[in-house]
Amino acid sequence: VSVTVEGVSMEPAFQDRDQVLVIRRRRPRPGQVVVVESPFGRQGWRE
């Protein structure tokens, strides 16, 4: 999946509007960057 970064939470490694390629369901290792579903605030997920 191709993803566009929005925001500055991963600066300086990734900038706003950077394009990244995500390998789905690959088991992550410490130090790697992942794309994770955003919870709705501190309450968690609705789905």
ModelCIF file with pLDDT and N, C-alpha, C, O atoms, coordinates in Angstrom:
data_MODEL
#
_entry.id   MODEL 
#
_entity.id                         1 
_entity.type                       polymer 
_entity.pdbx_number_of_molecules   1 
#
_entity_poly.entity_id                      1 
_entity_poly.type                           'polypeptide(L)' 
_entity_poly.nstd_linkage                   no 
_entity_poly.nstd_monomer                   no 
_entity_poly.pdbx_seq_one_letter_code       VSVTVEGVSMEPAFQDRDQVLVIRRRRPRPGQVVVVESPFGRQGWRE 
_entity_poly.pdbx_seq_one_letter_code_can   VSVTVEGVSMEPAFQDRDQVLVIRRRRPRPGQVVVVESPFGRQGWRE 
_entity_poly.pdbx_strand_id                 A 
#
loop_
_entity_poly_seq.entity_id 
_entity_poly_seq.num 
_entity_poly_seq.mon_id 
_entity_poly_seq.hetero 
1 1  VAL n 
1 2  SER n 
1 3  VAL n 
1 4  THR n 
1 5  VAL n 
1 6  GLU n 
1 7  GLY n 
1 8  VAL n 
1 9  SER n 
1 10 MET n 
1 11 GLU n 
1 12 PRO n 
1 13 ALA n 
1 14 PHE n 
1 15 GLN n 
1 16 ASP n 
1 17 ARG n 
1 18 ASP n 
1 19 GLN n 
1 20 VAL n 
1 21 LEU n 
1 22 VAL n 
1 23 ILE n 
1 24 ARG n 
1 25 ARG n 
1 26 ARG n 
1 27 ARG n 
1 28 PRO n 
1 29 ARG n 
1 30 PRO n 
1 31 GLY n 
1 32 GLN n 
1 33 VAL n 
1 34 VAL n 
1 35 VAL n 
1 36 VAL n 
1 37 GLU n 
1 38 SER n 
1 39 PRO n 
1 40 PHE n 
1 41 GLY n 
1 42 ARG n 
1 43 GLN n 
1 44 GLY n 
1 45 TRP n 
1 46 ARG n 
1 47 GLU n 
#
_struct_asym.id          A 
_struct_asym.entity_id   1 
#
loop_
_ma_qa_metric.id 
_ma_qa_metric.mode 
_ma_qa_metric.name 
_ma_qa_metric.software_group_id 
_ma_qa_metric.type 
1 global pLDDT . pLDDT 
2 local  pLDDT . pLDDT 
#
_ma_qa_metric_global.metric_id      1 
_ma_qa_metric_global.metric_value   89.72 
_ma_qa_metric_global.model_id       1 
_ma_qa_metric_global.ordinal_id     1 
#
loop_
_ma_qa_metric_local.label_asym_id 
_ma_qa_metric_local.label_comp_id 
_ma_qa_metric_local.label_seq_id 
_ma_qa_metric_local.metric_id 
_ma_qa_metric_local.metric_value 
_ma_qa_metric_local.model_id 
_ma_qa_metric_local.ordinal_id 
A VAL 1  2 84.00 1 1  
A SER 2  2 84.00 1 2  
A VAL 3  2 85.00 1 3  
A THR 4  2 87.00 1 4  
A VAL 5  2 89.00 1 5  
A GLU 6  2 87.00 1 6  
A GLY 7  2 90.00 1 7  
A VAL 8  2 93.00 1 8  
A SER 9  2 93.00 1 9  
A MET 10 2 92.00 1 10 
A GLU 11 2 92.00 1 11 
A PRO 12 2 92.00 1 12 
A ALA 13 2 92.00 1 13 
A PHE 14 2 92.00 1 14 
A GLN 15 2 91.00 1 15 
A ASP 16 2 91.00 1 16 
A ARG 17 2 90.00 1 17 
A ASP 18 2 90.00 1 18 
A GLN 19 2 89.00 1 19 
A VAL 20 2 90.00 1 20 
A LEU 21 2 91.00 1 21 
A VAL 22 2 91.00 1 22 
A ILE 23 2 91.00 1 23 
A ARG 24 2 87.00 1 24 
A ARG 25 2 75.00 1 25 
A ARG 26 2 78.00 1 26 
A ARG 27 2 87.00 1 27 
A PRO 28 2 95.00 1 28 
A ARG 29 2 96.00 1 29 
A PRO 30 2 96.00 1 30 
A GLY 31 2 96.00 1 31 
A GLN 32 2 96.00 1 32 
A VAL 33 2 96.00 1 33 
A VAL 34 2 96.00 1 34 
A VAL 35 2 94.00 1 35 
A VAL 36 2 95.00 1 36 
A GLU 37 2 94.00 1 37 
A SER 38 2 92.00 1 38 
A PRO 39 2 92.00 1 39 
A PHE 40 2 86.00 1 40 
A GLY 41 2 76.00 1 41 
A ARG 42 2 78.00 1 42 
A GLN 43 2 82.00 1 43 
A GLY 44 2 89.00 1 44 
A TRP 45 2 91.00 1 45 
A ARG 46 2 91.00 1 46 
A GLU 47 2 93.00 1 47 
#
loop_
_atom_site.group_PDB 
_atom_site.id 
_atom_site.type_symbol 
_atom_site.label_atom_id 
_atom_site.label_alt_id 
_atom_site.label_comp_id 
_atom_site.label_asym_id 
_atom_site.label_entity_id 
_atom_site.label_seq_id 
_atom_site.pdbx_PDB_ins_code 
_atom_site.Cartn_x 
_atom_site.Cartn_y 
_atom_site.Cartn_z 
_atom_site.occupancy 
_atom_site.B_iso_or_equiv 
_atom_site.pdbx_formal_charge 
_atom_site.auth_seq_id 
_atom_site.auth_comp_id 
_atom_site.auth_asym_id 
_atom_site.auth_atom_id 
_atom_site.pdbx_PDB_model_num 
ATOM 1   N N  . VAL A 1 1  ? 0.861   -1.182 0.000  1.00 84.00 ? 1  VAL A N  1 
ATOM 2   C CA . VAL A 1 1  ? 0.000   0.000  0.000  1.00 84.00 ? 1  VAL A CA 1 
ATOM 3   C C  . VAL A 1 1  ? 0.894   1.228  0.000  1.00 84.00 ? 1  VAL A C  1 
ATOM 4   O O  . VAL A 1 1  ? 1.869   1.294  0.748  1.00 84.00 ? 1  VAL A O  1 
ATOM 5   N N  . SER A 1 2  ? 0.563   2.193  -0.835 1.00 84.00 ? 2  SER A N  1 
ATOM 6   C CA . SER A 1 2  ? 1.243   3.476  -0.838 1.00 84.00 ? 2  SER A CA 1 
ATOM 7   C C  . SER A 1 2  ? 0.472   4.414  0.087  1.00 84.00 ? 2  SER A C  1 
ATOM 8   O O  . SER A 1 2  ? -0.752  4.520  0.005  1.00 84.00 ? 2  SER A O  1 
ATOM 9   N N  . VAL A 1 3  ? 1.206   5.089  0.967  1.00 85.00 ? 3  VAL A N  1 
ATOM 10  C CA . VAL A 1 3  ? 0.581   5.947  1.968  1.00 85.00 ? 3  VAL A CA 1 
ATOM 11  C C  . VAL A 1 3  ? 1.252   7.314  1.946  1.00 85.00 ? 3  VAL A C  1 
ATOM 12  O O  . VAL A 1 3  ? 2.466   7.420  1.775  1.00 85.00 ? 3  VAL A O  1 
ATOM 13  N N  . THR A 1 4  ? 0.450   8.350  2.119  1.00 87.00 ? 4  THR A N  1 
ATOM 14  C CA . THR A 1 4  ? 0.968   9.713  2.230  1.00 87.00 ? 4  THR A CA 1 
ATOM 15  C C  . THR A 1 4  ? 0.992   10.106 3.702  1.00 87.00 ? 4  THR A C  1 
ATOM 16  O O  . THR A 1 4  ? -0.024  9.996  4.388  1.00 87.00 ? 4  THR A O  1 
ATOM 17  N N  . VAL A 1 5  ? 2.126   10.557 4.188  1.00 89.00 ? 5  VAL A N  1 
ATOM 18  C CA . VAL A 1 5  ? 2.264   11.003 5.568  1.00 89.00 ? 5  VAL A CA 1 
ATOM 19  C C  . VAL A 1 5  ? 1.639   12.385 5.681  1.00 89.00 ? 5  VAL A C  1 
ATOM 20  O O  . VAL A 1 5  ? 1.899   13.270 4.865  1.00 89.00 ? 5  VAL A O  1 
ATOM 21  N N  . GLU A 1 6  ? 0.810   12.556 6.705  1.00 87.00 ? 6  GLU A N  1 
ATOM 22  C CA . GLU A 1 6  ? 0.238   13.871 7.010  1.00 87.00 ? 6  GLU A CA 1 
ATOM 23  C C  . GLU A 1 6  ? 0.587   14.207 8.445  1.00 87.00 ? 6  GLU A C  1 
ATOM 24  O O  . GLU A 1 6  ? 0.294   13.429 9.353  1.00 87.00 ? 6  GLU A O  1 
ATOM 25  N N  . GLY A 1 7  ? 1.201   15.343 8.660  1.00 90.00 ? 7  GLY A N  1 
ATOM 26  C CA . GLY A 1 7  ? 1.569   15.764 10.002 1.00 90.00 ? 7  GLY A CA 1 
ATOM 27  C C  . GLY A 1 7  ? 3.062   15.632 10.248 1.00 90.00 ? 7  GLY A C  1 
ATOM 28  O O  . GLY A 1 7  ? 3.830   15.248 9.366  1.00 90.00 ? 7  GLY A O  1 
ATOM 29  N N  . VAL A 1 8  ? 3.450   15.961 11.477 1.00 93.00 ? 8  VAL A N  1 
ATOM 30  C CA . VAL A 1 8  ? 4.874   16.065 11.813 1.00 93.00 ? 8  VAL A CA 1 
ATOM 31  C C  . VAL A 1 8  ? 5.302   15.108 12.916 1.00 93.00 ? 8  VAL A C  1 
ATOM 32  O O  . VAL A 1 8  ? 6.389   15.265 13.472 1.00 93.00 ? 8  VAL A O  1 
ATOM 33  N N  . SER A 1 9  ? 4.474   14.122 13.245 1.00 93.00 ? 9  SER A N  1 
ATOM 34  C CA . SER A 1 9  ? 4.782   13.250 14.383 1.00 93.00 ? 9  SER A CA 1 
ATOM 35  C C  . SER A 1 9  ? 6.012   12.385 14.186 1.00 93.00 ? 9  SER A C  1 
ATOM 36  O O  . SER A 1 9  ? 6.586   11.902 15.162 1.00 93.00 ? 9  SER A O  1 
ATOM 37  N N  . MET A 1 10 ? 6.434   12.176 12.935 1.00 92.00 ? 10 MET A N  1 
ATOM 38  C CA . MET A 1 10 ? 7.607   11.335 12.682 1.00 92.00 ? 10 MET A CA 1 
ATOM 39  C C  . MET A 1 10 ? 8.802   12.130 12.152 1.00 92.00 ? 10 MET A C  1 
ATOM 40  O O  . MET A 1 10 ? 9.760   11.548 11.645 1.00 92.00 ? 10 MET A O  1 
ATOM 41  N N  . GLU A 1 11 ? 8.745   13.456 12.269 1.00 92.00 ? 11 GLU A N  1 
ATOM 42  C CA . GLU A 1 11 ? 9.914   14.245 11.873 1.00 92.00 ? 11 GLU A CA 1 
ATOM 43  C C  . GLU A 1 11 ? 11.050  13.986 12.850 1.00 92.00 ? 11 GLU A C  1 
ATOM 44  O O  . GLU A 1 11 ? 10.799  13.818 14.044 1.00 92.00 ? 11 GLU A O  1 
ATOM 45  N N  . PRO A 1 12 ? 12.269  13.949 12.388 1.00 92.00 ? 12 PRO A N  1 
ATOM 46  C CA . PRO A 1 12 ? 12.751  14.301 11.059 1.00 92.00 ? 12 PRO A CA 1 
ATOM 47  C C  . PRO A 1 12 ? 12.773  13.140 10.057 1.00 92.00 ? 12 PRO A C  1 
ATOM 48  O O  . PRO A 1 12 ? 13.044  13.365 8.877  1.00 92.00 ? 12 PRO A O  1 
ATOM 49  N N  . ALA A 1 13 ? 12.498  11.913 10.493 1.00 92.00 ? 13 ALA A N  1 
ATOM 50  C CA . ALA A 1 13 ? 12.599  10.763 9.582  1.00 92.00 ? 13 ALA A CA 1 
ATOM 51  C C  . ALA A 1 13 ? 11.624  10.852 8.417  1.00 92.00 ? 13 ALA A C  1 
ATOM 52  O O  . ALA A 1 13 ? 11.976  10.528 7.283  1.00 92.00 ? 13 ALA A O  1 
ATOM 53  N N  . PHE A 1 14 ? 10.396  11.291 8.694  1.00 92.00 ? 14 PHE A N  1 
ATOM 54  C CA . PHE A 1 14 ? 9.364   11.414 7.657  1.00 92.00 ? 14 PHE A CA 1 
ATOM 55  C C  . PHE A 1 14 ? 8.716   12.778 7.783  1.00 92.00 ? 14 PHE A C  1 
ATOM 56  O O  . PHE A 1 14 ? 8.346   13.216 8.872  1.00 92.00 ? 14 PHE A O  1 
ATOM 57  N N  . GLN A 1 15 ? 8.588   13.432 6.653  1.00 91.00 ? 15 GLN A N  1 
ATOM 58  C CA . GLN A 1 15 ? 8.030   14.785 6.603  1.00 91.00 ? 15 GLN A CA 1 
ATOM 59  C C  . GLN A 1 15 ? 6.578   14.740 6.134  1.00 91.00 ? 15 GLN A C  1 
ATOM 60  O O  . GLN A 1 15 ? 6.149   13.772 5.505  1.00 91.00 ? 15 GLN A O  1 
ATOM 61  N N  . ASP A 1 16 ? 5.833   15.783 6.442  1.00 91.00 ? 16 ASP A N  1 
ATOM 62  C CA . ASP A 1 16 ? 4.479   15.946 5.933  1.00 91.00 ? 16 ASP A CA 1 
ATOM 63  C C  . ASP A 1 16 ? 4.499   15.820 4.408  1.00 91.00 ? 16 ASP A C  1 
ATOM 64  O O  . ASP A 1 16 ? 5.314   16.456 3.740  1.00 91.00 ? 16 ASP A O  1 
ATOM 65  N N  . ARG A 1 17 ? 3.609   15.008 3.868  1.00 90.00 ? 17 ARG A N  1 
ATOM 66  C CA . ARG A 1 17 ? 3.438   14.751 2.433  1.00 90.00 ? 17 ARG A CA 1 
ATOM 67  C C  . ARG A 1 17 ? 4.438   13.756 1.840  1.00 90.00 ? 17 ARG A C  1 
ATOM 68  O O  . ARG A 1 17 ? 4.413   13.509 0.634  1.00 90.00 ? 17 ARG A O  1 
ATOM 69  N N  . ASP A 1 18 ? 5.314   13.183 2.663  1.00 90.00 ? 18 ASP A N  1 
ATOM 70  C CA . ASP A 1 18 ? 6.171   12.101 2.155  1.00 90.00 ? 18 ASP A CA 1 
ATOM 71  C C  . ASP A 1 18 ? 5.291   10.929 1.726  1.00 90.00 ? 18 ASP A C  1 
ATOM 72  O O  . ASP A 1 18 ? 4.233   10.693 2.309  1.00 90.00 ? 18 ASP A O  1 
ATOM 73  N N  . GLN A 1 19 ? 5.730   10.208 0.716  1.00 89.00 ? 19 GLN A N  1 
ATOM 74  C CA . GLN A 1 19 ? 5.072   8.982  0.276  1.00 89.00 ? 19 GLN A CA 1 
ATOM 75  C C  . GLN A 1 19 ? 5.881   7.806  0.808  1.00 89.00 ? 19 GLN A C  1 
ATOM 76  O O  . GLN A 1 19 ? 7.106   7.783  0.686  1.00 89.00 ? 19 GLN A O  1 
ATOM 77  N N  . VAL A 1 20 ? 5.191   6.822  1.401  1.00 90.00 ? 20 VAL A N  1 
ATOM 78  C CA . VAL A 1 20 ? 5.864   5.624  1.884  1.00 90.00 ? 20 VAL A CA 1 
ATOM 79  C C  . VAL A 1 20 ? 5.151   4.399  1.347  1.00 90.00 ? 20 VAL A C  1 
ATOM 80  O O  . VAL A 1 20 ? 3.949   4.428  1.082  1.00 90.00 ? 20 VAL A O  1 
ATOM 81  N N  . LEU A 1 21 ? 5.903   3.325  1.190  1.00 91.00 ? 21 LEU A N  1 
ATOM 82  C CA . LEU A 1 21 ? 5.358   2.052  0.749  1.00 91.00 ? 21 LEU A CA 1 
ATOM 83  C C  . LEU A 1 21 ? 5.275   1.139  1.969  1.00 91.00 ? 21 LEU A C  1 
ATOM 84  O O  . LEU A 1 21 ? 6.254   0.976  2.697  1.00 91.00 ? 21 LEU A O  1 
ATOM 85  N N  . VAL A 1 22 ? 4.107   0.548  2.187  1.00 91.00 ? 22 VAL A N  1 
ATOM 86  C CA . VAL A 1 22 ? 3.863   -0.291 3.354  1.00 91.00 ? 22 VAL A CA 1 
ATOM 87  C C  . VAL A 1 22 ? 3.714   -1.740 2.900  1.00 91.00 ? 22 VAL A C  1 
ATOM 88  O O  . VAL A 1 22 ? 2.930   -2.047 2.002  1.00 91.00 ? 22 VAL A O  1 
ATOM 89  N N  . ILE A 1 23 ? 4.478   -2.623 3.538  1.00 91.00 ? 23 ILE A N  1 
ATOM 90  C CA . ILE A 1 23 ? 4.345   -4.055 3.294  1.00 91.00 ? 23 ILE A CA 1 
ATOM 91  C C  . ILE A 1 23 ? 3.367   -4.568 4.334  1.00 91.00 ? 23 ILE A C  1 
ATOM 92  O O  . ILE A 1 23 ? 3.677   -4.596 5.525  1.00 91.00 ? 23 ILE A O  1 
ATOM 93  N N  . ARG A 1 24 ? 2.184   -4.976 3.886  1.00 87.00 ? 24 ARG A N  1 
ATOM 94  C CA . ARG A 1 24 ? 1.112   -5.366 4.791  1.00 87.00 ? 24 ARG A CA 1 
ATOM 95  C C  . ARG A 1 24 ? 1.430   -6.651 5.546  1.00 87.00 ? 24 ARG A C  1 
ATOM 96  O O  . ARG A 1 24 ? 1.981   -7.606 4.999  1.00 87.00 ? 24 ARG A O  1 
ATOM 97  N N  . ARG A 1 25 ? 1.063   -6.635 6.817  1.00 75.00 ? 25 ARG A N  1 
ATOM 98  C CA . ARG A 1 25 ? 1.101   -7.784 7.718  1.00 75.00 ? 25 ARG A CA 1 
ATOM 99  C C  . ARG A 1 25 ? 2.468   -8.423 7.887  1.00 75.00 ? 25 ARG A C  1 
ATOM 100 O O  . ARG A 1 25 ? 2.560   -9.583 8.287  1.00 75.00 ? 25 ARG A O  1 
ATOM 101 N N  . ARG A 1 26 ? 3.504   -7.704 7.598  1.00 78.00 ? 26 ARG A N  1 
ATOM 102 C CA . ARG A 1 26 ? 4.848   -8.182 7.893  1.00 78.00 ? 26 ARG A CA 1 
ATOM 103 C C  . ARG A 1 26 ? 5.087   -7.974 9.384  1.00 78.00 ? 26 ARG A C  1 
ATOM 104 O O  . ARG A 1 26 ? 4.766   -6.912 9.917  1.00 78.00 ? 26 ARG A O  1 
ATOM 105 N N  . ARG A 1 27 ? 5.638   -8.956 10.053 1.00 87.00 ? 27 ARG A N  1 
ATOM 106 C CA . ARG A 1 27 ? 5.873   -8.829 11.497 1.00 87.00 ? 27 ARG A CA 1 
ATOM 107 C C  . ARG A 1 27 ? 6.941   -7.769 11.748 1.00 87.00 ? 27 ARG A C  1 
ATOM 108 O O  . ARG A 1 27 ? 8.058   -7.876 11.242 1.00 87.00 ? 27 ARG A O  1 
ATOM 109 N N  . PRO A 1 28 ? 6.599   -6.748 12.528 1.00 95.00 ? 28 PRO A N  1 
ATOM 110 C CA . PRO A 1 28 ? 7.584   -5.684 12.771 1.00 95.00 ? 28 PRO A CA 1 
ATOM 111 C C  . PRO A 1 28 ? 8.648   -6.104 13.774 1.00 95.00 ? 28 PRO A C  1 
ATOM 112 O O  . PRO A 1 28 ? 8.477   -7.041 14.553 1.00 95.00 ? 28 PRO A O  1 
ATOM 113 N N  . ARG A 1 29 ? 9.748   -5.370 13.720 1.00 96.00 ? 29 ARG A N  1 
ATOM 114 C CA . ARG A 1 29 ? 10.840  -5.536 14.678 1.00 96.00 ? 29 ARG A CA 1 
ATOM 115 C C  . ARG A 1 29 ? 11.081  -4.181 15.350 1.00 96.00 ? 29 ARG A C  1 
ATOM 116 O O  . ARG A 1 29 ? 10.781  -3.141 14.763 1.00 96.00 ? 29 ARG A O  1 
ATOM 117 N N  . PRO A 1 30 ? 11.615  -4.182 16.559 1.00 96.00 ? 30 PRO A N  1 
ATOM 118 C CA . PRO A 1 30 ? 11.933  -2.904 17.207 1.00 96.00 ? 30 PRO A CA 1 
ATOM 119 C C  . PRO A 1 30 ? 12.825  -2.051 16.304 1.00 96.00 ? 30 PRO A C  1 
ATOM 120 O O  . PRO A 1 30 ? 13.764  -2.545 15.680 1.00 96.00 ? 30 PRO A O  1 
ATOM 121 N N  . GLY A 1 31 ? 12.508  -0.775 16.256 1.00 96.00 ? 31 GLY A N  1 
ATOM 122 C CA . GLY A 1 31 ? 13.238  0.171  15.418 1.00 96.00 ? 31 GLY A CA 1 
ATOM 123 C C  . GLY A 1 31 ? 12.587  0.403  14.076 1.00 96.00 ? 31 GLY A C  1 
ATOM 124 O O  . GLY A 1 31 ? 12.836  1.427  13.440 1.00 96.00 ? 31 GLY A O  1 
ATOM 125 N N  . GLN A 1 32 ? 11.753  -0.527 13.626 1.00 96.00 ? 32 GLN A N  1 
ATOM 126 C CA . GLN A 1 32 ? 11.075  -0.339 12.345 1.00 96.00 ? 32 GLN A CA 1 
ATOM 127 C C  . GLN A 1 32 ? 9.901   0.626  12.505 1.00 96.00 ? 32 GLN A C  1 
ATOM 128 O O  . GLN A 1 32 ? 9.382   0.833  13.602 1.00 96.00 ? 32 GLN A O  1 
ATOM 129 N N  . VAL A 1 33 ? 9.507   1.202  11.385 1.00 96.00 ? 33 VAL A N  1 
ATOM 130 C CA . VAL A 1 33 ? 8.362   2.105  11.353 1.00 96.00 ? 33 VAL A CA 1 
ATOM 131 C C  . VAL A 1 33 ? 7.176   1.337  10.783 1.00 96.00 ? 33 VAL A C  1 
ATOM 132 O O  . VAL A 1 33 ? 7.300   0.616  9.793  1.00 96.00 ? 33 VAL A O  1 
ATOM 133 N N  . VAL A 1 34 ? 6.017   1.507  11.434 1.00 96.00 ? 34 VAL A N  1 
ATOM 134 C CA . VAL A 1 34 ? 4.815   0.811  11.013 1.00 96.00 ? 34 VAL A CA 1 
ATOM 135 C C  . VAL A 1 34 ? 3.693   1.806  10.771 1.00 96.00 ? 34 VAL A C  1 
ATOM 136 O O  . VAL A 1 34 ? 3.734   2.947  11.232 1.00 96.00 ? 34 VAL A O  1 
ATOM 137 N N  . VAL A 1 35 ? 2.696   1.345  10.038 1.00 94.00 ? 35 VAL A N  1 
ATOM 138 C CA . VAL A 1 35 ? 1.437   2.073  9.900  1.00 94.00 ? 35 VAL A CA 1 
ATOM 139 C C  . VAL A 1 35 ? 0.437   1.314  10.760 1.00 94.00 ? 35 VAL A C  1 
ATOM 140 O O  . VAL A 1 35 ? 0.241   0.111  10.588 1.00 94.00 ? 35 VAL A O  1 
ATOM 141 N N  . VAL A 1 36 ? -0.193  2.029  11.686 1.00 95.00 ? 36 VAL A N  1 
ATOM 142 C CA . VAL A 1 36 ? -1.114  1.433  12.651 1.00 95.00 ? 36 VAL A CA 1 
ATOM 143 C C  . VAL A 1 36 ? -2.439  2.183  12.595 1.00 95.00 ? 36 VAL A C  1 
ATOM 144 O O  . VAL A 1 36 ? -2.476  3.395  12.382 1.00 95.00 ? 36 VAL A O  1 
ATOM 145 N N  . GLU A 1 37 ? -3.523  1.442  12.789 1.00 94.00 ? 37 GLU A N  1 
ATOM 146 C CA . GLU A 1 37 ? -4.835  2.086  12.789 1.00 94.00 ? 37 GLU A CA 1 
ATOM 147 C C  . GLU A 1 37 ? -4.948  3.023  13.981 1.00 94.00 ? 37 GLU A C  1 
ATOM 148 O O  . GLU A 1 37 ? -4.619  2.660  15.110 1.00 94.00 ? 37 GLU A O  1 
ATOM 149 N N  . SER A 1 38 ? -5.412  4.215  13.714 1.00 92.00 ? 38 SER A N  1 
ATOM 150 C CA . SER A 1 38 ? -5.536  5.234  14.744 1.00 92.00 ? 38 SER A CA 1 
ATOM 151 C C  . SER A 1 38 ? -6.758  4.972  15.617 1.00 92.00 ? 38 SER A C  1 
ATOM 152 O O  . SER A 1 38 ? -7.855  4.766  15.100 1.00 92.00 ? 38 SER A O  1 
ATOM 153 N N  . PRO A 1 39 ? -6.577  4.977  16.943 1.00 92.00 ? 39 PRO A N  1 
ATOM 154 C CA . PRO A 1 39 ? -7.746  4.859  17.815 1.00 92.00 ? 39 PRO A CA 1 
ATOM 155 C C  . PRO A 1 39 ? -8.490  6.191  17.855 1.00 92.00 ? 39 PRO A C  1 
ATOM 156 O O  . PRO A 1 39 ? -7.952  7.224  17.456 1.00 92.00 ? 39 PRO A O  1 
ATOM 157 N N  . PHE A 1 40 ? -9.716  6.161  18.335 1.00 86.00 ? 40 PHE A N  1 
ATOM 158 C CA . PHE A 1 40 ? -10.488 7.386  18.518 1.00 86.00 ? 40 PHE A CA 1 
ATOM 159 C C  . PHE A 1 40 ? -10.169 7.936  19.899 1.00 86.00 ? 40 PHE A C  1 
ATOM 160 O O  . PHE A 1 40 ? -10.862 7.651  20.875 1.00 86.00 ? 40 PHE A O  1 
ATOM 161 N N  . GLY A 1 41 ? -9.098  8.733  19.961 1.00 76.00 ? 41 GLY A N  1 
ATOM 162 C CA . GLY A 1 41 ? -8.647  9.255  21.243 1.00 76.00 ? 41 GLY A CA 1 
ATOM 163 C C  . GLY A 1 41 ? -8.206  8.127  22.161 1.00 76.00 ? 41 GLY A C  1 
ATOM 164 O O  . GLY A 1 41 ? -7.707  7.099  21.704 1.00 76.00 ? 41 GLY A O  1 
ATOM 165 N N  . ARG A 1 42 ? -8.389  8.324  23.431 1.00 78.00 ? 42 ARG A N  1 
ATOM 166 C CA . ARG A 1 42 ? -7.952  7.320  24.406 1.00 78.00 ? 42 ARG A CA 1 
ATOM 167 C C  . ARG A 1 42 ? -8.970  6.199  24.604 1.00 78.00 ? 42 ARG A C  1 
ATOM 168 O O  . ARG A 1 42 ? -8.708  5.255  25.350 1.00 78.00 ? 42 ARG A O  1 
ATOM 169 N N  . GLN A 1 43 ? -10.125 6.288  23.948 1.00 82.00 ? 43 GLN A N  1 
ATOM 170 C CA . GLN A 1 43 ? -11.165 5.284  24.115 1.00 82.00 ? 43 GLN A CA 1 
ATOM 171 C C  . GLN A 1 43 ? -10.916 4.015  23.315 1.00 82.00 ? 43 GLN A C  1 
ATOM 172 O O  . GLN A 1 43 ? -11.474 2.970  23.651 1.00 82.00 ? 43 GLN A O  1 
ATOM 173 N N  . GLY A 1 44 ? -10.121 4.066  22.297 1.00 89.00 ? 44 GLY A N  1 
ATOM 174 C CA . GLY A 1 44 ? -9.859  2.885  21.478 1.00 89.00 ? 44 GLY A CA 1 
ATOM 175 C C  . GLY A 1 44 ? -10.570 2.945  20.139 1.00 89.00 ? 44 GLY A C  1 
ATOM 176 O O  . GLY A 1 44 ? -10.811 4.031  19.610 1.00 89.00 ? 44 GLY A O  1 
ATOM 177 N N  . TRP A 1 45 ? -10.899 1.817  19.601 1.00 91.00 ? 45 TRP A N  1 
ATOM 178 C CA . TRP A 1 45 ? -11.427 1.717  18.248 1.00 91.00 ? 45 TRP A CA 1 
ATOM 179 C C  . TRP A 1 45 ? -12.918 1.436  18.270 1.00 91.00 ? 45 TRP A C  1 
ATOM 180 O O  . TRP A 1 45 ? -13.421 0.772  19.176 1.00 91.00 ? 45 TRP A O  1 
ATOM 181 N N  . ARG A 1 46 ? -13.616 1.941  17.276 1.00 91.00 ? 46 ARG A N  1 
ATOM 182 C CA . ARG A 1 46 ? -15.060 1.736  17.164 1.00 91.00 ? 46 ARG A CA 1 
ATOM 183 C C  . ARG A 1 46 ? -15.412 0.500  16.351 1.00 91.00 ? 46 ARG A C  1 
ATOM 184 O O  . ARG A 1 46 ? -16.518 -0.030 16.460 1.00 91.00 ? 46 ARG A O  1 
ATOM 185 N N  . GLU A 1 47 ? -14.477 0.047  15.545 1.00 93.00 ? 47 GLU A N  1 
ATOM 186 C CA . GLU A 1 47 ? -14.722 -1.091 14.672 1.00 93.00 ? 47 GLU A CA 1 
ATOM 187 C C  . GLU A 1 47 ? -13.728 -2.204 14.986 1.00 93.00 ? 47 GLU A C  1 
ATOM 188 O O  . GLU A 1 47 ? -13.764 -3.260 14.356 1.00 93.00 ? 47 GLU A O  1 
#
